[in-house]
Amino acid sequence: MADLSMPACAGNTTIPAAEPSDLDVAISVAQQLLYSDQLLSVREALRLLLRALGAEPVNEEEAAQRFVARHFPKVTAFLANERGEDQ
């Protein structure tokens, strides 16, 4: 006879929180640093915001690396592993 009891995980109705997008992180950092008197921190916040919007000035090689990382994450992870960068 089939076991019709509820599985152990059936009572867990919480939905895991999704990771924030780059834009969400950039906005959060910019909001936190809005009133900062640290010029470098503000500059970094602006860089993050521009990067999240895809408007950060980059050279051709970096643009290609970002394209591959965005569209082929498994390839990027494999290459990082081969270079020993994943540690």
Protein backbone atom coordinates (compact mmCIF):
# COMPACT_ATOMS: atom_id res chain seq x y z
CA MET A 1 0.00 0.00 0.00
CA ALA A 2 1.31 3.50 -0.85
CA ASP A 3 2.42 5.82 1.93
CA LEU A 4 0.14 8.87 1.73
CA SER A 5 1.63 10.70 4.70
CA MET A 6 3.00 14.17 4.13
CA PRO A 7 6.74 14.45 3.44
CA ALA A 8 8.94 15.94 6.12
CA CYS A 9 9.43 19.17 4.14
CA ALA A 10 5.68 19.73 3.60
CA GLY A 11 5.36 21.96 6.67
CA ASN A 12 8.09 24.29 5.48
CA THR A 13 6.24 26.98 3.54
CA THR A 14 8.95 29.63 3.58
CA ILE A 15 10.24 30.74 0.24
CA PRO A 16 13.99 31.27 0.16
CA ALA A 17 14.87 34.90 -0.48
CA ALA A 18 16.21 35.59 -3.93
CA GLU A 19 19.66 37.11 -4.19
CA PRO A 20 19.49 40.85 -4.81
CA SER A 21 20.28 42.02 -8.30
CA ASP A 22 23.35 44.11 -9.07
CA LEU A 23 21.08 47.12 -9.36
CA ASP A 24 19.52 46.45 -5.93
CA VAL A 25 22.98 46.25 -4.36
CA ALA A 26 24.19 49.37 -6.14
CA ILE A 27 21.14 51.36 -5.06
CA SER A 28 21.54 50.19 -1.47
CA VAL A 29 25.22 51.17 -1.40
CA ALA A 30 24.49 54.53 -2.99
CA GLN A 31 21.72 55.23 -0.46
CA GLN A 32 24.01 54.35 2.45
CA LEU A 33 26.78 56.60 1.14
CA LEU A 34 24.57 59.48 0.02
CA TYR A 35 25.54 61.65 2.96
CA SER A 36 29.07 60.30 3.33
CA ASP A 37 31.97 62.70 3.34
CA GLN A 38 34.28 59.99 2.04
CA LEU A 39 34.87 60.82 -1.61
CA LEU A 40 36.30 57.40 -2.48
CA SER A 41 33.26 55.62 -1.04
CA VAL A 42 30.91 57.81 -3.04
CA ARG A 43 33.00 57.22 -6.15
CA GLU A 44 32.80 53.46 -5.60
CA ALA A 45 29.02 53.66 -5.10
CA LEU A 46 28.68 55.53 -8.38
CA ARG A 47 30.87 52.96 -10.14
CA LEU A 48 28.69 50.13 -8.80
CA LEU A 49 25.54 51.92 -9.93
CA LEU A 50 26.91 52.55 -13.41
CA ARG A 51 28.05 48.94 -13.66
CA ALA A 52 24.63 47.64 -12.61
CA LEU A 53 23.03 49.82 -15.27
CA GLY A 54 25.50 48.61 -17.87
CA ALA A 55 26.80 52.14 -18.33
CA GLU A 56 30.24 51.86 -16.76
CA PRO A 57 32.99 52.72 -19.23
CA VAL A 58 35.05 49.59 -19.85
CA ASN A 59 37.63 48.51 -22.36
CA GLU A 60 36.81 45.94 -25.04
CA GLU A 61 38.46 43.01 -23.23
CA GLU A 62 36.58 43.64 -19.99
CA ALA A 63 33.31 44.06 -21.89
CA ALA A 64 33.87 40.66 -23.53
CA GLN A 65 34.66 39.03 -20.17
CA ARG A 66 31.49 40.47 -18.65
CA PHE A 67 29.42 39.24 -21.60
CA VAL A 68 30.75 35.71 -21.19
CA ALA A 69 30.26 35.83 -17.41
CA ARG A 70 26.67 37.04 -17.77
CA HIS A 71 25.62 34.64 -20.52
CA PHE A 72 27.81 31.62 -19.80
CA PRO A 73 28.28 31.38 -16.01
CA LYS A 74 29.36 27.72 -16.14
CA VAL A 75 32.14 28.53 -18.59
CA THR A 76 33.24 31.43 -16.39
CA ALA A 77 33.26 29.20 -13.30
CA PHE A 78 35.24 26.53 -15.16
CA LEU A 79 37.84 29.04 -16.34
CA ALA A 80 38.15 30.54 -12.84
CA ASN A 81 38.64 27.03 -11.45
CA GLU A 82 41.33 26.28 -14.02
CA ARG A 83 43.14 29.50 -13.06
CA GLY A 84 42.77 28.73 -9.34
CA GLU A 85 40.65 31.86 -8.74
CA ASP A 86 37.78 30.09 -6.98
CA GLN A 87 39.50 29.72 -3.64
